[in-house]
Amino acid sequence: MLDLLFNDPVAWGSLLGLGIVVALCGYYVYLFMHNTNSNL
């Protein structure tokens, strides 16, 4: 099962896309928290 997952480019593309989405969400949350804390 894991060997099939590691050899499947579609699975890698899905994981990469999901990782990018999660990273962007975390980055925007960080910016939002940083901006709100600096204004206080």
N, C-alpha and C. Protein backbone atom coordinates (compact mmCIF):
# COMPACT_ATOMS: atom_id res chain seq x y z
N MET A 1 0.83 -1.20 0.00
CA MET A 1 0.00 0.00 0.00
C MET A 1 0.87 1.26 0.00
N LEU A 2 1.83 1.33 0.90
CA LEU A 2 2.71 2.50 0.94
C LEU A 2 3.60 2.57 -0.30
N ASP A 3 4.03 1.40 -0.80
CA ASP A 3 4.85 1.38 -1.99
C ASP A 3 4.06 1.93 -3.18
N LEU A 4 2.79 1.57 -3.27
CA LEU A 4 1.93 2.09 -4.34
C LEU A 4 1.75 3.59 -4.19
N LEU A 5 1.58 4.06 -2.97
CA LEU A 5 1.40 5.49 -2.73
C LEU A 5 2.65 6.27 -3.11
N PHE A 6 3.83 5.75 -2.76
CA PHE A 6 5.07 6.46 -3.05
C PHE A 6 5.40 6.48 -4.53
N ASN A 7 4.88 5.50 -5.29
CA ASN A 7 5.17 5.44 -6.72
C ASN A 7 4.10 6.11 -7.57
N ASP A 8 3.06 6.67 -6.94
CA ASP A 8 1.96 7.27 -7.69
C ASP A 8 2.11 8.79 -7.74
N PRO A 9 2.38 9.37 -8.92
CA PRO A 9 2.56 10.82 -9.00
C PRO A 9 1.28 11.60 -8.68
N VAL A 10 0.11 10.99 -8.89
CA VAL A 10 -1.14 11.68 -8.57
C VAL A 10 -1.25 11.86 -7.06
N ALA A 11 -0.86 10.85 -6.29
CA ALA A 11 -0.90 10.95 -4.83
C ALA A 11 0.09 12.02 -4.36
N TRP A 12 1.27 12.07 -4.97
CA TRP A 12 2.25 13.09 -4.60
C TRP A 12 1.71 14.48 -4.91
N GLY A 13 1.04 14.64 -6.06
CA GLY A 13 0.46 15.93 -6.41
C GLY A 13 -0.62 16.35 -5.42
N SER A 14 -1.44 15.39 -4.99
CA SER A 14 -2.49 15.70 -4.02
C SER A 14 -1.89 16.10 -2.68
N LEU A 15 -0.88 15.35 -2.23
CA LEU A 15 -0.24 15.67 -0.96
C LEU A 15 0.46 17.02 -1.03
N LEU A 16 1.11 17.31 -2.16
CA LEU A 16 1.80 18.58 -2.31
C LEU A 16 0.80 19.74 -2.31
N GLY A 17 -0.31 19.58 -3.02
CA GLY A 17 -1.34 20.61 -3.04
C GLY A 17 -1.94 20.84 -1.66
N LEU A 18 -2.20 19.75 -0.96
CA LEU A 18 -2.76 19.86 0.39
C LEU A 18 -1.77 20.55 1.32
N GLY A 19 -0.50 20.20 1.20
CA GLY A 19 0.53 20.82 2.02
C GLY A 19 0.64 22.31 1.76
N ILE A 20 0.54 22.71 0.48
CA ILE A 20 0.61 24.14 0.13
C ILE A 20 -0.58 24.88 0.72
N VAL A 21 -1.77 24.28 0.64
CA VAL A 21 -2.97 24.92 1.19
C VAL A 21 -2.84 25.10 2.70
N VAL A 22 -2.38 24.06 3.39
CA VAL A 22 -2.22 24.13 4.84
C VAL A 22 -1.16 25.18 5.21
N ALA A 23 -0.07 25.22 4.44
CA ALA A 23 0.99 26.19 4.72
C ALA A 23 0.48 27.62 4.52
N LEU A 24 -0.28 27.86 3.46
CA LEU A 24 -0.82 29.20 3.23
C LEU A 24 -1.80 29.60 4.32
N CYS A 25 -2.65 28.67 4.75
CA CYS A 25 -3.60 28.97 5.83
C CYS A 25 -2.84 29.33 7.10
N GLY A 26 -1.84 28.55 7.43
CA GLY A 26 -1.04 28.84 8.62
C GLY A 26 -0.33 30.18 8.52
N TYR A 27 0.16 30.49 7.34
CA TYR A 27 0.86 31.76 7.13
C TYR A 27 -0.07 32.95 7.31
N TYR A 28 -1.29 32.86 6.74
CA TYR A 28 -2.25 33.95 6.89
C TYR A 28 -2.72 34.09 8.34
N VAL A 29 -2.89 32.99 9.04
CA VAL A 29 -3.26 33.05 10.46
C VAL A 29 -2.15 33.71 11.25
N TYR A 30 -0.89 33.38 10.93
CA TYR A 30 0.25 34.00 11.59
C TYR A 30 0.29 35.51 11.33
N LEU A 31 0.08 35.90 10.07
CA LEU A 31 0.07 37.33 9.75
C LEU A 31 -1.06 38.05 10.48
N PHE A 32 -2.24 37.43 10.52
CA PHE A 32 -3.38 38.04 11.20
C PHE A 32 -3.09 38.23 12.68
N MET A 33 -2.54 37.19 13.32
CA MET A 33 -2.23 37.29 14.76
C MET A 33 -1.14 38.34 14.99
N HIS A 34 -0.13 38.36 14.12
CA HIS A 34 0.97 39.31 14.28
C HIS A 34 0.47 40.75 14.12
N ASN A 35 -0.38 40.99 13.15
CA ASN A 35 -0.89 42.34 12.91
C ASN A 35 -1.82 42.80 14.05
N THR A 36 -2.66 41.92 14.53
CA THR A 36 -3.58 42.30 15.60
C THR A 36 -2.81 42.53 16.90
N ASN A 37 -1.75 41.77 17.13
CA ASN A 37 -0.98 41.94 18.36
C ASN A 37 -0.14 43.23 18.32
N SER A 38 0.35 43.60 17.14
CA SER A 38 1.18 44.80 17.04
C SER A 38 0.33 46.06 17.16
N ASN A 39 -0.95 45.98 16.81
CA ASN A 39 -1.82 47.16 16.92
C ASN A 39 -2.26 47.42 18.35
N LEU A 40 -2.22 46.43 19.20
CA LEU A 40 -2.68 46.60 20.58
C LEU A 40 -1.61 47.30 21.43
